[in-house]
N, C-alpha and C. Protein backbone atom coordinates (compact mmCIF):
# COMPACT_ATOMS: atom_id res chain seq x y z
N MET A 1 0.83 -1.20 0.00
CA MET A 1 0.00 0.00 0.00
C MET A 1 0.86 1.26 0.00
N GLN A 2 1.97 1.20 0.70
CA GLN A 2 2.82 2.37 0.82
C GLN A 2 3.41 2.77 -0.53
N ARG A 3 3.50 1.81 -1.46
CA ARG A 3 4.08 2.10 -2.76
C ARG A 3 3.11 2.78 -3.72
N TRP A 4 1.79 2.72 -3.46
CA TRP A 4 0.84 3.26 -4.44
C TRP A 4 -0.32 4.04 -3.85
N PHE A 5 -0.65 3.86 -2.57
CA PHE A 5 -1.85 4.46 -2.00
C PHE A 5 -1.59 5.91 -1.62
N PHE A 6 -1.66 6.77 -2.61
CA PHE A 6 -1.38 8.19 -2.42
C PHE A 6 -2.21 8.99 -3.41
N GLY A 7 -2.90 10.02 -2.93
CA GLY A 7 -3.79 10.82 -3.76
C GLY A 7 -3.09 11.92 -4.53
N GLY A 8 -1.87 11.69 -4.93
CA GLY A 8 -1.10 12.66 -5.71
C GLY A 8 -0.04 11.91 -6.49
N VAL A 9 0.82 12.65 -7.16
CA VAL A 9 1.90 12.04 -7.93
C VAL A 9 2.88 11.41 -6.94
N LEU A 10 3.23 10.15 -7.18
CA LEU A 10 4.12 9.44 -6.27
C LEU A 10 5.48 10.09 -6.18
N ARG A 11 6.03 10.05 -4.98
CA ARG A 11 7.39 10.50 -4.73
C ARG A 11 7.89 9.71 -3.52
N GLN A 12 9.14 9.87 -3.18
CA GLN A 12 9.72 9.15 -2.04
C GLN A 12 9.01 9.53 -0.74
N ASN A 13 8.71 8.56 0.10
CA ASN A 13 8.10 8.77 1.43
C ASN A 13 6.82 9.58 1.38
N CYS A 14 5.95 9.26 0.44
CA CYS A 14 4.72 10.04 0.28
C CYS A 14 3.62 9.64 1.26
N CYS A 15 3.73 8.46 1.88
CA CYS A 15 2.70 8.10 2.85
C CYS A 15 3.25 7.13 3.89
N THR A 16 2.57 7.11 5.02
CA THR A 16 2.87 6.19 6.11
C THR A 16 1.66 5.29 6.28
N VAL A 17 1.88 3.99 6.39
CA VAL A 17 0.77 3.03 6.44
C VAL A 17 0.89 2.14 7.67
N GLU A 18 -0.21 2.02 8.41
CA GLU A 18 -0.36 1.00 9.45
C GLU A 18 -1.55 0.16 9.01
N ASN A 19 -1.38 -1.17 8.97
CA ASN A 19 -2.42 -1.99 8.35
C ASN A 19 -2.52 -3.36 9.01
N GLN A 20 -3.71 -3.71 9.48
CA GLN A 20 -4.01 -5.05 9.99
C GLN A 20 -5.04 -5.64 9.03
N PHE A 21 -4.55 -6.32 8.00
CA PHE A 21 -5.43 -6.80 6.93
C PHE A 21 -6.11 -8.10 7.32
N VAL A 22 -7.07 -7.99 8.23
CA VAL A 22 -7.94 -9.08 8.64
C VAL A 22 -9.32 -8.47 8.89
N THR A 23 -10.36 -9.27 8.80
CA THR A 23 -11.69 -8.76 9.10
C THR A 23 -11.71 -8.19 10.51
N LYS A 24 -12.24 -6.99 10.65
CA LYS A 24 -12.27 -6.20 11.88
C LYS A 24 -10.92 -5.57 12.23
N GLY A 25 -9.91 -5.81 11.37
CA GLY A 25 -8.62 -5.16 11.56
C GLY A 25 -8.70 -3.69 11.18
N GLU A 26 -7.84 -2.90 11.76
CA GLU A 26 -7.84 -1.46 11.51
C GLU A 26 -6.67 -1.07 10.61
N TYR A 27 -6.85 0.06 9.94
CA TYR A 27 -5.78 0.62 9.13
C TYR A 27 -5.74 2.13 9.35
N LYS A 28 -4.58 2.70 9.10
CA LYS A 28 -4.41 4.16 9.11
C LYS A 28 -3.37 4.50 8.06
N ILE A 29 -3.70 5.47 7.25
CA ILE A 29 -2.79 5.94 6.21
C ILE A 29 -2.64 7.45 6.37
N ILE A 30 -1.41 7.91 6.40
CA ILE A 30 -1.15 9.35 6.44
C ILE A 30 -0.45 9.70 5.14
N MET A 31 -1.13 10.52 4.33
CA MET A 31 -0.56 10.99 3.07
C MET A 31 0.18 12.30 3.35
N HIS A 32 1.43 12.36 2.94
CA HIS A 32 2.27 13.53 3.18
C HIS A 32 2.36 14.37 1.91
N PHE A 33 1.49 15.39 1.80
CA PHE A 33 1.49 16.26 0.63
C PHE A 33 2.49 17.39 0.84
N GLU A 34 3.28 17.68 -0.17
CA GLU A 34 4.29 18.73 -0.05
C GLU A 34 3.67 20.12 0.13
N ASP A 35 2.57 20.38 -0.55
CA ASP A 35 1.99 21.73 -0.52
C ASP A 35 0.79 21.88 0.42
N ALA A 36 0.24 20.75 0.91
CA ALA A 36 -0.97 20.84 1.73
C ALA A 36 -0.83 20.16 3.09
N GLY A 37 0.36 19.71 3.44
CA GLY A 37 0.54 19.04 4.72
C GLY A 37 0.04 17.61 4.69
N ASP A 38 -0.20 17.07 5.86
CA ASP A 38 -0.61 15.67 5.99
C ASP A 38 -2.12 15.51 5.95
N SER A 39 -2.55 14.38 5.41
CA SER A 39 -3.96 14.02 5.39
C SER A 39 -4.07 12.59 5.92
N GLU A 40 -4.80 12.42 7.02
CA GLU A 40 -4.93 11.11 7.64
C GLU A 40 -6.27 10.48 7.31
N LEU A 41 -6.25 9.21 6.96
CA LEU A 41 -7.48 8.46 6.77
C LEU A 41 -7.35 7.15 7.53
N TYR A 42 -8.50 6.64 7.96
CA TYR A 42 -8.47 5.47 8.82
C TYR A 42 -9.80 4.73 8.73
N GLY A 43 -9.79 3.50 9.20
CA GLY A 43 -11.01 2.73 9.20
C GLY A 43 -10.78 1.32 9.65
N LYS A 44 -11.75 0.47 9.33
CA LYS A 44 -11.74 -0.93 9.76
C LYS A 44 -12.22 -1.79 8.59
N TYR A 45 -11.58 -2.94 8.43
CA TYR A 45 -12.01 -3.89 7.40
C TYR A 45 -13.28 -4.57 7.86
N LEU A 46 -14.32 -4.49 7.06
CA LEU A 46 -15.62 -5.07 7.39
C LEU A 46 -15.79 -6.46 6.80
N GLU A 47 -15.20 -6.68 5.63
CA GLU A 47 -15.31 -7.98 4.95
C GLU A 47 -14.09 -8.18 4.06
N ILE A 48 -13.51 -9.36 4.17
CA ILE A 48 -12.41 -9.75 3.28
C ILE A 48 -12.74 -11.13 2.74
N ASN A 49 -13.03 -11.18 1.45
CA ASN A 49 -13.33 -12.43 0.77
C ASN A 49 -12.21 -12.62 -0.25
N ARG A 50 -11.22 -13.38 0.14
CA ARG A 50 -9.99 -13.50 -0.65
C ARG A 50 -10.29 -13.76 -2.12
N TYR A 51 -9.63 -12.99 -2.97
CA TYR A 51 -9.73 -13.05 -4.43
C TYR A 51 -11.00 -12.43 -5.01
N ASN A 52 -11.97 -12.06 -4.16
CA ASN A 52 -13.23 -11.56 -4.69
C ASN A 52 -13.63 -10.17 -4.22
N LYS A 53 -13.52 -9.91 -2.91
CA LYS A 53 -14.09 -8.66 -2.41
C LYS A 53 -13.41 -8.22 -1.12
N ILE A 54 -13.24 -6.90 -0.99
CA ILE A 54 -12.77 -6.27 0.24
C ILE A 54 -13.70 -5.09 0.51
N VAL A 55 -14.23 -5.02 1.72
CA VAL A 55 -15.11 -3.91 2.11
C VAL A 55 -14.54 -3.31 3.39
N PHE A 56 -14.43 -1.97 3.40
CA PHE A 56 -13.90 -1.33 4.60
C PHE A 56 -14.54 0.03 4.84
N ALA A 57 -14.61 0.38 6.12
CA ALA A 57 -15.07 1.71 6.52
C ALA A 57 -13.93 2.69 6.27
N TRP A 58 -14.30 3.93 5.92
CA TRP A 58 -13.32 4.95 5.54
C TRP A 58 -13.71 6.26 6.20
N SER A 59 -12.79 6.85 6.92
CA SER A 59 -13.01 8.16 7.55
C SER A 59 -11.76 9.01 7.37
N ASN A 60 -11.98 10.31 7.28
CA ASN A 60 -10.87 11.27 7.24
C ASN A 60 -11.42 12.62 7.70
N SER A 61 -10.73 13.69 7.41
CA SER A 61 -11.18 15.01 7.87
C SER A 61 -12.41 15.51 7.11
N ILE A 62 -12.76 14.86 6.01
CA ILE A 62 -13.89 15.29 5.18
C ILE A 62 -15.13 14.44 5.41
N VAL A 63 -14.94 13.13 5.61
CA VAL A 63 -16.07 12.21 5.76
C VAL A 63 -15.82 11.27 6.94
N ILE A 64 -16.92 10.75 7.49
CA ILE A 64 -16.83 9.78 8.58
C ILE A 64 -17.70 8.58 8.22
N ASP A 65 -17.12 7.41 8.38
CA ASP A 65 -17.82 6.14 8.17
C ASP A 65 -18.46 5.99 6.80
N THR A 66 -17.73 6.38 5.76
CA THR A 66 -18.18 6.01 4.42
C THR A 66 -17.71 4.57 4.18
N ILE A 67 -18.18 3.97 3.11
CA ILE A 67 -17.87 2.57 2.84
C ILE A 67 -17.19 2.44 1.48
N VAL A 68 -16.08 1.72 1.46
CA VAL A 68 -15.38 1.42 0.22
C VAL A 68 -15.50 -0.08 -0.03
N LYS A 69 -15.90 -0.42 -1.26
CA LYS A 69 -16.04 -1.82 -1.66
C LYS A 69 -15.19 -2.04 -2.90
N LEU A 70 -14.26 -2.99 -2.80
CA LEU A 70 -13.43 -3.38 -3.93
C LEU A 70 -13.86 -4.78 -4.34
N THR A 71 -14.19 -4.96 -5.61
CA THR A 71 -14.51 -6.30 -6.11
C THR A 71 -13.53 -6.64 -7.22
N PHE A 72 -13.18 -7.91 -7.29
CA PHE A 72 -12.19 -8.39 -8.24
C PHE A 72 -12.82 -9.49 -9.09
N LYS A 73 -12.60 -9.40 -10.39
CA LYS A 73 -13.12 -10.40 -11.33
C LYS A 73 -11.95 -10.88 -12.18
N GLU A 74 -11.71 -12.17 -12.16
CA GLU A 74 -10.63 -12.73 -12.96
C GLU A 74 -11.02 -12.70 -14.44
N LEU A 75 -10.17 -12.10 -15.25
CA LEU A 75 -10.39 -12.06 -16.69
C LEU A 75 -9.58 -13.13 -17.41
N SER A 76 -8.41 -13.43 -16.85
CA SER A 76 -7.53 -14.49 -17.35
C SER A 76 -6.61 -14.86 -16.18
N PRO A 77 -5.78 -15.88 -16.32
CA PRO A 77 -4.95 -16.30 -15.18
C PRO A 77 -4.09 -15.19 -14.54
N ASN A 78 -3.67 -14.21 -15.29
CA ASN A 78 -2.83 -13.15 -14.74
C ASN A 78 -3.45 -11.76 -14.86
N THR A 79 -4.74 -11.69 -15.12
CA THR A 79 -5.41 -10.41 -15.31
C THR A 79 -6.73 -10.38 -14.56
N SER A 80 -6.93 -9.33 -13.78
CA SER A 80 -8.18 -9.16 -13.04
C SER A 80 -8.74 -7.77 -13.29
N GLU A 81 -10.05 -7.67 -13.16
CA GLU A 81 -10.74 -6.39 -13.25
C GLU A 81 -11.07 -5.95 -11.82
N LEU A 82 -10.76 -4.72 -11.50
CA LEU A 82 -11.04 -4.15 -10.18
C LEU A 82 -12.17 -3.15 -10.32
N THR A 83 -13.20 -3.30 -9.49
CA THR A 83 -14.28 -2.31 -9.42
C THR A 83 -14.23 -1.69 -8.03
N LEU A 84 -14.20 -0.37 -7.98
CA LEU A 84 -14.14 0.36 -6.72
C LEU A 84 -15.42 1.16 -6.55
N GLU A 85 -16.10 0.96 -5.43
CA GLU A 85 -17.29 1.74 -5.09
C GLU A 85 -17.06 2.40 -3.75
N HIS A 86 -17.22 3.70 -3.69
CA HIS A 86 -17.09 4.45 -2.43
C HIS A 86 -18.43 5.15 -2.21
N SER A 87 -19.10 4.83 -1.11
CA SER A 87 -20.47 5.30 -0.92
C SER A 87 -20.67 5.97 0.43
N LEU A 88 -21.85 6.52 0.61
CA LEU A 88 -22.33 7.18 1.83
C LEU A 88 -21.72 8.57 2.05
N PHE A 89 -21.44 9.27 0.97
CA PHE A 89 -20.96 10.66 1.09
C PHE A 89 -22.10 11.57 1.51
N GLN A 90 -21.77 12.58 2.32
CA GLN A 90 -22.79 13.50 2.78
C GLN A 90 -23.15 14.55 1.72
N ASP A 91 -22.26 14.77 0.75
CA ASP A 91 -22.57 15.73 -0.31
C ASP A 91 -21.71 15.48 -1.54
N GLU A 92 -22.05 16.15 -2.62
CA GLU A 92 -21.36 16.00 -3.90
C GLU A 92 -19.92 16.48 -3.84
N ALA A 93 -19.65 17.52 -3.08
CA ALA A 93 -18.29 18.06 -2.98
C ALA A 93 -17.34 17.02 -2.39
N ALA A 94 -17.77 16.34 -1.34
CA ALA A 94 -16.94 15.30 -0.72
C ALA A 94 -16.73 14.14 -1.69
N ARG A 95 -17.78 13.75 -2.40
CA ARG A 95 -17.66 12.67 -3.37
C ARG A 95 -16.67 13.03 -4.47
N SER A 96 -16.75 14.25 -4.96
CA SER A 96 -15.87 14.70 -6.03
C SER A 96 -14.40 14.72 -5.60
N LEU A 97 -14.14 15.22 -4.40
CA LEU A 97 -12.76 15.24 -3.90
C LEU A 97 -12.20 13.82 -3.78
N HIS A 98 -13.00 12.91 -3.28
CA HIS A 98 -12.54 11.53 -3.14
C HIS A 98 -12.37 10.86 -4.50
N ASN A 99 -13.23 11.17 -5.45
CA ASN A 99 -13.08 10.62 -6.79
C ASN A 99 -11.73 11.00 -7.39
N GLN A 100 -11.33 12.25 -7.21
CA GLN A 100 -10.02 12.71 -7.72
C GLN A 100 -8.89 11.93 -7.05
N GLY A 101 -8.99 11.75 -5.74
CA GLY A 101 -7.96 11.00 -5.02
C GLY A 101 -7.89 9.55 -5.45
N TRP A 102 -9.05 8.90 -5.62
CA TRP A 102 -9.07 7.51 -6.06
C TRP A 102 -8.48 7.37 -7.46
N GLU A 103 -8.78 8.32 -8.35
CA GLU A 103 -8.21 8.25 -9.70
C GLU A 103 -6.69 8.25 -9.64
N GLN A 104 -6.12 9.09 -8.79
CA GLN A 104 -4.66 9.15 -8.68
C GLN A 104 -4.12 7.88 -8.02
N CYS A 105 -4.80 7.37 -6.99
CA CYS A 105 -4.37 6.12 -6.35
C CYS A 105 -4.34 4.98 -7.35
N LEU A 106 -5.38 4.86 -8.16
CA LEU A 106 -5.43 3.77 -9.14
C LEU A 106 -4.37 3.92 -10.22
N LEU A 107 -4.09 5.15 -10.62
CA LEU A 107 -2.99 5.38 -11.55
C LEU A 107 -1.67 4.95 -10.92
N ASN A 108 -1.47 5.31 -9.65
CA ASN A 108 -0.25 4.91 -8.95
C ASN A 108 -0.15 3.39 -8.82
N LEU A 109 -1.29 2.72 -8.59
CA LEU A 109 -1.30 1.26 -8.51
C LEU A 109 -0.88 0.66 -9.85
N ALA A 110 -1.41 1.18 -10.94
CA ALA A 110 -1.04 0.67 -12.27
C ALA A 110 0.46 0.83 -12.51
N ILE A 111 1.01 1.95 -12.12
CA ILE A 111 2.46 2.18 -12.27
C ILE A 111 3.24 1.20 -11.42
N ALA A 112 2.83 1.00 -10.17
CA ALA A 112 3.53 0.06 -9.28
C ALA A 112 3.48 -1.36 -9.82
N LEU A 113 2.33 -1.77 -10.36
CA LEU A 113 2.22 -3.12 -10.91
C LEU A 113 3.08 -3.27 -12.16
N GLU A 114 3.13 -2.23 -12.98
CA GLU A 114 3.96 -2.28 -14.19
C GLU A 114 5.43 -2.38 -13.82
N GLU A 115 5.85 -1.62 -12.80
CA GLU A 115 7.25 -1.66 -12.37
C GLU A 115 7.62 -3.01 -11.78
N ALA A 116 6.66 -3.68 -11.14
CA ALA A 116 6.92 -4.97 -10.52
C ALA A 116 6.96 -6.11 -11.52
N ALA A 117 6.41 -5.88 -12.71
CA ALA A 117 6.33 -6.96 -13.72
C ALA A 117 7.66 -7.24 -14.36
């Protein structure tokens, strides 16, 4: 997660991650933005269905107890499709800000996977 989970362009030491990847386990991520300071997000894993689905609560300074659902669909032996749903936003502004962050995180994930290949 530390290699890609960042809502901006990746750079050295861009985030700090604490992660207990088990159902009911907690996580905390601190994103270190050069121009905007730190942004902390945290939550708890609600469901982990290996190879298929991960659901977790998500809170930060903008939202509290929103839900993120990741589903995975195998397309071929080495290729999967990821669907990300983030729900329970209190308003459109919060949803829009998170959409921008998720877009950058997913771009960073694609780069990390390409570098690892």
